[in-house]
Protein backbone atom coordinates (compact mmCIF):
# COMPACT_ATOMS: atom_id res chain seq x y z
CA MET A 1 -17.09 34.04 -5.14
CA LYS A 2 -18.74 30.84 -6.40
CA ILE A 3 -16.60 27.75 -6.59
CA THR A 4 -17.99 24.74 -8.50
CA PHE A 5 -16.63 21.19 -8.54
CA PRO A 6 -16.25 18.64 -11.35
CA TYR A 7 -18.98 16.37 -10.00
CA PRO A 8 -22.60 16.59 -10.92
CA ASP A 9 -23.75 15.81 -7.33
CA ALA A 10 -21.32 18.22 -5.73
CA GLU A 11 -22.97 21.44 -4.54
CA PRO A 12 -21.19 24.69 -5.34
CA LEU A 13 -19.47 26.67 -2.66
CA GLU A 14 -20.09 30.41 -1.95
CA ILE A 15 -17.13 32.21 -0.43
CA PRO A 16 -18.30 35.50 0.96
CA GLN A 17 -16.87 38.71 -0.26
CA GLY A 18 -13.91 40.21 1.69
CA LEU A 19 -12.16 36.92 2.13
CA GLU A 20 -8.67 36.70 0.48
CA THR A 21 -9.32 33.82 -2.08
CA GLN A 22 -6.97 32.65 -4.87
CA VAL A 23 -7.79 30.01 -7.47
CA PHE A 24 -5.09 27.90 -9.02
CA ASN A 25 -5.35 25.56 -11.88
CA LEU A 26 -3.11 23.81 -14.43
CA ALA A 27 -1.99 25.87 -17.47
CA ASN A 28 -4.52 24.98 -20.23
CA LEU A 29 -1.68 23.94 -22.70
CA LYS A 30 -2.60 22.70 -26.15
CA SER A 31 -0.84 20.91 -28.87
CA LYS A 32 -0.46 21.90 -32.37
CA VAL A 33 -1.28 18.40 -33.60
CA ILE A 34 -4.12 15.98 -32.79
CA ASP A 35 -3.82 13.39 -30.01
CA PRO A 36 -2.77 10.25 -32.04
CA GLU A 37 -0.16 12.29 -34.12
CA VAL A 38 1.80 13.29 -30.85
CA VAL A 39 2.22 9.69 -30.16
CA GLU A 40 3.05 8.69 -33.81
CA ASN A 41 5.83 11.30 -33.84
CA ALA A 42 7.10 9.89 -30.67
CA LEU A 43 7.22 6.24 -32.11
CA GLU A 44 8.88 7.46 -35.21
CA LYS A 45 11.88 8.96 -33.08
CA PRO A 46 12.14 6.74 -29.92
CA ILE A 47 14.59 7.93 -27.50
CA ASP A 48 17.76 5.87 -26.71
CA SER A 49 16.25 2.83 -28.53
CA LYS A 50 15.75 1.24 -31.77
CA ARG A 51 12.39 1.79 -33.34
CA LEU A 52 9.70 -0.51 -31.99
CA SER A 53 9.13 -2.39 -35.17
CA LYS A 54 12.81 -3.25 -35.26
CA LEU A 55 12.92 -4.31 -31.56
CA ALA A 56 9.90 -6.56 -32.16
CA TYR A 57 11.36 -8.27 -35.32
CA GLY A 58 11.70 -11.94 -34.92
CA LYS A 59 9.97 -11.89 -31.45
CA LYS A 60 7.32 -14.42 -30.87
CA LYS A 61 5.56 -13.30 -27.67
CA ILE A 62 4.85 -9.76 -27.03
CA LEU A 63 3.28 -8.24 -23.86
CA ILE A 64 1.74 -4.84 -23.63
CA VAL A 65 1.40 -3.61 -20.04
CA ALA A 66 -1.26 -0.95 -19.61
CA ASP A 67 -2.18 1.24 -16.76
CA ASP A 68 -5.50 0.68 -15.08
CA ILE A 69 -8.86 2.41 -14.72
CA THR A 70 -7.48 4.59 -11.82
CA ARG A 71 -5.46 6.36 -14.27
CA PRO A 72 -6.84 8.75 -16.96
CA THR A 73 -4.43 7.70 -19.71
CA PRO A 74 -6.59 7.30 -22.92
CA ILE A 75 -4.83 4.23 -24.27
CA TYR A 76 -7.63 3.57 -26.82
CA LYS A 77 -6.59 6.72 -28.73
CA PHE A 78 -3.01 5.43 -29.60
CA ILE A 79 -2.81 1.81 -28.96
CA HIS A 80 -3.31 1.12 -32.65
CA LEU A 81 -0.17 2.96 -33.48
CA ILE A 82 1.88 0.56 -31.32
CA LEU A 83 0.05 -2.39 -32.91
CA ASP A 84 1.00 -1.06 -36.40
CA GLU A 85 4.63 -0.98 -35.34
CA LEU A 86 4.43 -4.66 -34.31
CA ALA A 87 2.60 -5.56 -37.53
CA LEU A 88 5.65 -3.90 -39.35
CA ALA A 89 7.91 -6.42 -37.69
CA GLY A 90 5.46 -9.32 -38.76
CA VAL A 91 4.21 -9.98 -35.33
CA LYS A 92 0.78 -11.67 -35.59
CA ASN A 93 -2.28 -10.66 -33.18
CA GLU A 94 -2.29 -14.05 -31.67
CA ASN A 95 1.23 -13.51 -30.40
CA ILE A 96 0.30 -10.29 -28.64
CA GLU A 97 -1.18 -10.19 -25.11
CA PHE A 98 -2.15 -7.30 -22.75
CA ILE A 99 -1.84 -7.19 -18.89
CA MET A 100 -3.55 -4.53 -16.93
CA ALA A 101 -1.17 -3.08 -14.39
CA LEU A 102 -3.35 -3.04 -11.38
CA GLY A 103 -0.65 -2.76 -8.76
CA THR A 104 -2.60 -3.46 -5.55
CA HIS A 105 -5.79 -2.26 -7.00
CA ARG A 106 -9.01 -4.18 -7.67
CA PRO A 107 -9.36 -6.16 -10.91
CA MET A 108 -10.95 -4.27 -13.78
CA THR A 109 -14.30 -5.33 -15.25
CA LYS A 110 -14.78 -6.23 -18.91
CA ASN A 111 -16.45 -2.94 -19.63
CA GLU A 112 -13.69 -1.04 -17.96
CA ILE A 113 -11.02 -2.85 -19.98
CA ALA A 114 -13.09 -1.95 -23.31
CA ALA A 115 -13.16 1.65 -22.20
CA LYS A 116 -9.56 1.64 -21.49
CA LEU A 117 -8.25 -0.11 -24.61
CA GLY A 118 -11.12 0.12 -26.94
CA ASP A 119 -13.76 -2.33 -27.81
CA ASP A 120 -12.09 -3.77 -30.76
CA ILE A 121 -8.88 -4.40 -28.85
CA ALA A 122 -10.87 -6.00 -25.99
CA LYS A 123 -12.43 -8.49 -28.42
CA LYS A 124 -9.26 -9.28 -30.55
CA PHE A 125 -6.68 -9.90 -27.94
CA ARG A 126 -6.15 -11.85 -24.71
CA ILE A 127 -6.25 -9.40 -21.78
CA HIS A 128 -5.27 -10.24 -18.16
CA ASN A 129 -5.74 -8.48 -14.69
CA HIS A 130 -2.60 -8.70 -12.62
CA ASP A 131 -3.02 -10.24 -9.15
CA TRP A 132 -0.34 -9.18 -6.72
CA LYS A 133 -1.41 -11.55 -4.03
CA ASN A 134 -1.50 -14.71 -6.19
CA PRO A 135 1.72 -16.58 -5.93
CA ASP A 136 0.72 -18.88 -8.81
CA CYS A 137 0.99 -15.89 -11.30
CA LEU A 138 4.19 -14.62 -10.09
CA GLU A 139 7.86 -15.46 -10.85
CA TYR A 140 11.03 -14.64 -9.00
CA VAL A 141 13.58 -13.07 -11.51
CA GLY A 142 16.47 -12.18 -9.03
CA ASP A 143 17.58 -9.43 -6.66
CA THR A 144 18.42 -5.83 -7.39
CA GLU A 145 21.92 -4.47 -6.51
CA GLN A 146 20.19 -3.29 -3.28
CA GLY A 147 19.15 -6.76 -2.45
CA VAL A 148 15.46 -6.47 -3.11
CA PRO A 149 13.79 -9.49 -4.41
CA VAL A 150 11.95 -9.06 -7.71
CA TRP A 151 8.75 -10.97 -8.07
CA VAL A 152 6.95 -10.15 -11.32
CA ASN A 153 3.91 -11.65 -13.21
CA LYS A 154 4.86 -14.64 -15.28
CA LEU A 155 3.45 -13.13 -18.39
CA VAL A 156 6.26 -10.49 -18.14
CA SER A 157 9.09 -12.80 -17.51
CA SER A 158 7.97 -15.26 -20.28
CA ALA A 159 7.55 -12.49 -23.03
CA ASP A 160 10.18 -11.83 -25.57
CA LEU A 161 9.29 -8.21 -25.60
CA VAL A 162 7.66 -6.09 -22.99
CA ILE A 163 6.09 -2.76 -23.73
CA GLY A 164 4.86 -0.31 -21.08
CA THR A 165 2.09 2.13 -21.81
CA GLY A 166 0.86 4.94 -19.35
CA SER A 167 1.03 8.65 -18.61
CA ILE A 168 3.46 10.94 -16.86
CA MET A 169 2.12 13.36 -14.21
CA PRO A 170 3.37 14.38 -10.64
CA ILE A 171 2.93 11.87 -7.78
CA GLU A 172 4.05 12.26 -4.28
CA VAL A 173 5.47 8.75 -3.60
CA CYS A 174 8.16 8.75 -6.48
CA GLY A 175 8.01 12.23 -8.14
CA PHE A 176 6.38 11.25 -11.28
CA THR A 177 4.26 8.49 -12.72
CA GLY A 178 5.18 6.55 -15.84
CA GLY A 179 8.46 4.72 -16.89
CA GLY A 180 9.30 1.70 -14.79
CA LYS A 181 6.32 2.28 -12.56
CA ILE A 182 4.13 0.45 -15.02
CA LEU A 183 5.97 -2.86 -13.87
CA VAL A 184 6.81 -1.76 -10.33
CA PRO A 185 4.36 -1.81 -8.56
CA GLY A 186 2.12 -2.27 -11.71
CA VAL A 187 2.58 -6.04 -12.09
CA CYS A 188 4.94 -7.12 -9.34
CA GLY A 189 4.36 -9.13 -6.23
CA GLN A 190 3.75 -8.16 -2.65
CA ILE A 191 7.24 -8.23 -1.46
CA THR A 192 8.54 -6.19 -4.34
CA CYS A 193 5.72 -3.73 -4.02
CA ASP A 194 6.11 -3.38 -0.39
CA GLU A 195 9.83 -2.84 -0.46
CA MET A 196 9.51 -0.29 -3.34
CA HIS A 197 7.03 1.77 -1.40
CA TRP A 198 8.83 1.61 1.95
CA THR A 199 11.94 3.19 0.22
CA ARG A 200 9.98 6.47 0.55
CA ILE A 201 9.45 6.55 4.06
CA ASP A 202 12.48 8.50 5.45
CA VAL A 203 12.84 10.52 2.19
CA SER A 204 11.76 14.07 2.52
CA SER A 205 9.13 15.31 -0.09
CA LYS A 206 11.48 18.14 -1.13
CA HIS A 207 13.81 15.38 -2.46
CA VAL A 208 10.93 13.65 -4.42
CA LEU A 209 8.08 16.02 -5.41
CA GLY A 210 8.70 17.29 -8.88
CA LYS A 211 12.12 15.46 -8.98
CA ALA A 212 12.63 13.09 -11.79
CA GLU A 213 15.84 11.71 -10.07
CA ASN A 214 15.27 10.60 -6.64
CA PRO A 215 16.03 7.55 -4.41
CA VAL A 216 12.44 6.19 -4.94
CA ARG A 217 12.64 6.39 -8.68
CA ALA A 218 16.03 4.83 -8.66
CA SER A 219 14.55 1.85 -6.82
CA ILE A 220 11.78 1.67 -9.38
CA ASP A 221 14.16 1.84 -12.25
CA SER A 222 16.41 -0.89 -10.74
CA LEU A 223 13.46 -3.21 -10.21
CA ALA A 224 11.70 -2.60 -13.59
CA ARG A 225 14.92 -3.05 -15.40
CA LYS A 226 15.39 -6.32 -13.59
CA ALA A 227 11.87 -7.32 -14.39
CA GLY A 228 12.32 -6.83 -18.13
CA LEU A 229 10.85 -3.71 -19.29
CA ASP A 230 12.08 -3.16 -22.89
CA PHE A 231 10.21 -0.13 -24.35
CA ILE A 232 7.68 2.42 -23.02
CA VAL A 233 5.19 4.78 -24.60
CA ASN A 234 4.16 7.51 -22.21
CA VAL A 235 1.83 10.40 -22.82
CA ILE A 236 1.39 13.79 -21.14
CA LEU A 237 -2.29 15.03 -20.75
CA ASN A 238 -3.44 18.59 -20.34
CA ALA A 239 -6.32 19.64 -18.09
CA GLU A 240 -8.86 18.49 -20.63
CA ASN A 241 -7.30 15.11 -20.79
CA LYS A 242 -5.89 15.70 -24.30
CA ILE A 243 -2.55 14.31 -25.29
CA ILE A 244 -0.07 17.21 -25.71
CA GLY A 245 3.18 15.41 -25.28
CA ALA A 246 4.42 11.90 -25.78
CA VAL A 247 7.75 9.86 -25.36
CA ALA A 248 8.81 6.50 -26.56
CA GLY A 249 11.91 4.40 -26.03
CA ASP A 250 14.12 3.49 -23.24
CA MET A 251 12.25 3.22 -19.79
CA VAL A 252 14.62 5.64 -18.22
CA THR A 253 15.92 8.16 -20.66
CA ALA A 254 12.53 8.50 -22.55
CA HIS A 255 10.76 8.83 -19.15
CA ARG A 256 13.10 11.60 -18.10
CA ALA A 257 12.31 13.46 -21.34
CA GLY A 258 8.55 13.17 -20.47
CA CYS A 259 9.17 14.42 -17.13
CA GLU A 260 10.51 17.61 -18.54
CA ILE A 261 7.37 18.11 -20.52
CA ALA A 262 5.33 17.15 -17.50
CA LEU A 263 6.92 19.82 -15.39
CA LYS A 264 5.63 22.48 -17.81
CA VAL A 265 2.17 21.22 -17.89
CA TYR A 266 1.51 20.46 -14.22
CA GLY A 267 3.80 22.88 -12.38
CA VAL A 268 1.72 25.60 -10.85
CA GLU A 269 3.48 28.72 -9.09
CA ILE A 270 1.81 29.35 -5.67
CA PRO A 271 3.02 32.51 -3.82
CA ARG A 272 2.64 31.15 -0.23
CA GLU A 273 0.89 28.80 2.12
CA PHE A 274 -2.85 29.47 2.93
CA ASP A 275 -4.95 28.89 6.06
CA ILE A 276 -7.64 27.02 4.17
CA VAL A 277 -7.15 24.90 0.95
CA ILE A 278 -10.07 23.57 -1.05
CA ALA A 279 -9.36 20.84 -3.57
CA ASP A 280 -11.00 18.46 -5.79
CA SER A 281 -9.34 15.14 -6.75
CA PHE A 282 -10.63 14.93 -10.43
CA PRO A 283 -9.97 12.60 -12.29
CA PHE A 284 -8.73 10.39 -9.37
CA ASP A 285 -12.16 9.81 -7.89
CA ILE A 286 -12.83 6.08 -7.68
CA GLU A 287 -11.71 5.65 -3.93
CA PHE A 288 -9.78 7.61 -1.31
CA TRP A 289 -6.69 5.52 -2.05
CA GLN A 290 -6.49 7.62 -5.27
CA ALA A 291 -8.19 10.74 -4.19
CA ASN A 292 -5.29 10.95 -1.64
CA LYS A 293 -3.17 12.45 -4.43
CA ALA A 294 -5.18 15.69 -4.14
CA LEU A 295 -4.48 15.66 -0.50
CA ASP A 296 -0.81 15.27 -1.00
CA THR A 297 -0.91 18.54 -3.20
CA ALA A 298 -3.08 20.45 -0.69
CA GLY A 299 -0.67 19.58 2.07
CA GLU A 300 2.08 21.27 0.31
CA VAL A 301 -0.08 24.39 0.14
CA VAL A 302 -1.86 24.53 3.65
CA LYS A 303 -0.41 26.31 6.56
CA LYS A 304 0.60 24.25 9.65
CA GLY A 305 -2.55 24.18 11.77
CA GLY A 306 -4.74 25.00 8.83
CA VAL A 307 -7.56 23.14 7.26
CA VAL A 308 -7.85 21.07 3.96
CA ILE A 309 -11.46 20.66 2.40
CA LEU A 310 -11.25 17.63 0.02
CA VAL A 311 -14.26 17.23 -2.32
CA SER A 312 -14.25 13.88 -3.89
CA PRO A 313 -16.99 11.30 -4.59
CA CYS A 314 -14.85 8.38 -3.63
CA TYR A 315 -17.36 6.04 -5.24
CA GLU A 316 -15.79 2.84 -3.79
CA GLY A 317 -15.03 4.34 -0.44
CA PHE A 318 -11.57 4.18 1.05
CA SER A 319 -10.29 1.13 -0.73
CA ARG A 320 -11.62 -2.03 -2.06
CA THR A 321 -8.40 -3.85 -1.54
CA HIS A 322 -7.05 -2.42 1.57
CA SER A 323 -9.48 -2.85 4.52
CA GLU A 324 -6.61 -1.98 7.06
CA ILE A 325 -7.48 1.70 6.46
CA LEU A 326 -10.71 1.44 8.14
CA GLU A 327 -9.35 -0.98 10.79
CA PHE A 328 -6.38 1.34 11.93
CA GLY A 329 -7.17 4.72 10.59
CA TYR A 330 -4.70 7.50 9.79
CA LEU A 331 -2.44 7.69 12.70
CA PRO A 332 0.74 9.76 13.61
CA ILE A 333 3.83 8.58 11.46
CA GLU A 334 5.65 6.80 14.22
CA THR A 335 2.74 4.90 15.26
CA ILE A 336 2.20 3.62 11.76
CA LYS A 337 5.83 2.69 11.45
CA THR A 338 5.59 0.69 14.68
CA LEU A 339 2.36 -1.09 13.43
CA VAL A 340 4.17 -2.02 10.21
CA LYS A 341 7.31 -3.21 11.64
CA SER A 342 5.28 -5.31 14.34
CA GLY A 343 3.41 -6.92 11.42
CA LYS A 344 -0.01 -5.68 12.62
CA ILE A 345 -0.24 -3.79 9.44
CA LYS A 346 0.64 -6.50 7.02
CA HIS A 347 1.59 -4.63 3.81
CA LYS A 348 4.06 -1.86 3.78
CA VAL A 349 2.38 -0.14 0.62
CA VAL A 350 -0.62 0.41 3.02
CA GLY A 351 1.61 1.77 5.72
CA VAL A 352 3.10 4.31 3.26
CA HIS A 353 -0.35 5.44 2.12
CA MET A 354 -1.44 5.86 5.60
CA ILE A 355 1.87 7.91 6.43
CA GLN A 356 1.28 10.18 3.37
CA ALA A 357 -2.22 10.88 4.17
CA GLY A 358 -1.66 11.13 7.90
CA ALA A 359 1.23 13.53 7.65
CA VAL A 360 -1.10 15.99 6.10
CA ALA A 361 -4.48 15.43 7.68
CA ILE A 362 -3.30 14.32 11.27
CA GLU A 363 0.02 16.01 11.85
CA LYS A 364 -0.17 19.27 9.74
CA ALA A 365 -3.82 20.37 9.30
CA LYS A 366 -7.31 19.13 9.70
CA LEU A 367 -9.03 17.41 6.86
CA ILE A 368 -12.65 17.87 6.16
CA LEU A 369 -14.02 15.26 3.58
CA VAL A 370 -16.83 15.99 1.53
CA SER A 371 -17.74 12.74 -0.16
CA THR A 372 -20.94 10.76 -1.22
CA GLY A 373 -18.92 7.44 -1.15
CA ILE A 374 -17.59 7.72 2.36
CA LYS A 375 -19.98 8.10 5.25
CA LYS A 376 -19.54 10.38 8.16
CA ASN A 377 -18.79 7.60 10.75
CA GLU A 378 -16.28 6.15 8.53
CA ALA A 379 -14.39 9.38 7.95
CA GLU A 380 -14.44 10.08 11.70
CA LYS A 381 -13.26 6.60 12.38
CA VAL A 382 -9.97 7.12 10.46
CA GLY A 383 -9.39 10.57 12.01
CA PHE A 384 -11.00 12.90 9.55
CA LEU A 385 -13.91 15.45 9.74
CA TRP A 386 -16.79 15.08 7.39
CA ALA A 387 -19.33 17.50 5.83
CA LYS A 388 -22.29 16.78 3.59
CA ASN A 389 -21.26 19.57 1.26
CA ALA A 390 -18.49 22.11 0.68
CA GLN A 391 -20.50 25.03 2.12
CA GLU A 392 -20.95 23.11 5.58
CA ALA A 393 -17.22 22.17 5.37
CA PHE A 394 -16.28 25.83 4.80
CA ALA A 395 -18.21 26.93 7.79
CA LYS A 396 -16.30 24.40 9.91
CA ALA A 397 -12.96 25.50 8.53
CA LEU A 398 -13.63 29.04 9.49
CA GLU A 399 -14.52 27.94 13.09
CA ILE A 400 -11.16 26.24 13.13
CA VAL A 401 -8.80 28.84 11.68
CA GLY A 402 -10.82 32.16 12.24
CA LYS A 403 -12.90 34.44 10.05
CA ARG A 404 -9.93 36.33 8.48
CA ALA A 405 -8.63 33.11 6.72
CA SER A 406 -6.62 33.14 3.55
CA ILE A 407 -8.10 30.54 1.05
CA ALA A 408 -6.66 28.76 -1.91
CA VAL A 409 -8.82 26.74 -4.34
CA LEU A 410 -6.83 24.06 -6.19
CA ARG A 411 -8.44 22.68 -9.28
CA ASN A 412 -7.02 19.35 -10.72
CA ALA A 413 -5.20 19.16 -7.37
CA ALA A 414 -4.51 15.40 -7.91
CA ARG A 415 -2.23 15.91 -10.70
CA MET A 416 -0.83 19.42 -9.80
CA LEU A 417 2.61 20.01 -8.99
CA PRO A 418 2.53 22.96 -6.46
CA LEU A 419 5.61 25.16 -6.55
CA VAL A 420 5.04 26.87 -3.33
CA LYS A 421 7.25 30.00 -2.44
CA ARG A 422 8.01 29.56 1.30
CA THR A 423 9.63 31.93 3.66
CA GLY A 424 13.42 31.85 3.12
CA ASP A 425 13.16 30.55 -0.48
């Protein structure tokens, strides 16, 4: 069987006949209407909210928060519909600003912003990159009921109306992307970002993965509501990055409706665990910090003591903004907890990332990384194995688990929700 990967420089893999191999992918669902019309329908019937044009009436300062280049959301396809709603309310372009919800990611370039929002938008409007480490751009807006301080970008706290745009897909840290996540961690400060992520540490994945309601999402909603998110426009994409679903309205109830659509798009039935799991991270390819999403999925599918082969270019290495990864590597969970609590790992968000990856690649299975952006010595430094191509990685995997291995190939693993049937289910 020949396995190809969605990268021009990734050599295909030949799996010999006789080895049990199953290939899993997202259902290729399609919409009956074209991309923008799906969003237009959602804006016409917002969930648990007034129509955006009515919410915006009389408002003098509008802020649109957009997800960044690490997310595949094609905002350029529907942003004009949001602007049309604002125009209906009499809002002038000079009263509208954009901020890119970078979270802890690197700043976007002008070209990346133009590709994300559209050239015309990039030229007409003031657009800002969020900087989570810059105290001068942050404002404290109070504590949540749980006592977590909310530090948010001043552009959010000073706006009369805040609109969040993004997409909804599975994610290990909080169940699904979208909703209040556009503000938290999208445009919040270090303390708020750290505390939100740290909520995840002692919550089992079975209570989070594929669950719209979970403790981490509750924390996000509380923080984002406190920060001032007034309205969301979230889309759901199919395997071809076409918009096949959209929700608009209240940051919680609209988001939950979108999660129901996302379950149908991204949920994939998988009959059992496998010895070897081969995954790509498309379209989360910019760095391992993002490609890790595919590792999370593979970790649900691989057997204890098995092997995950992750094929991803990781063009910018492990992370442009978190050098601690190369400094400390992916260690056992309790070790990382100790390093975070001692202050040696300064940011809890980094510790959570290390724990998530380490739980799969260190404690459950071996990870063999195939990447042009990460060198062999770097991969080995953090505790991973490395191969120059998938064929070499596959040979190494067979040496580890044996020649009669069962094999699963996960396409679109980074946004797949694996519904694995386990013994006793």
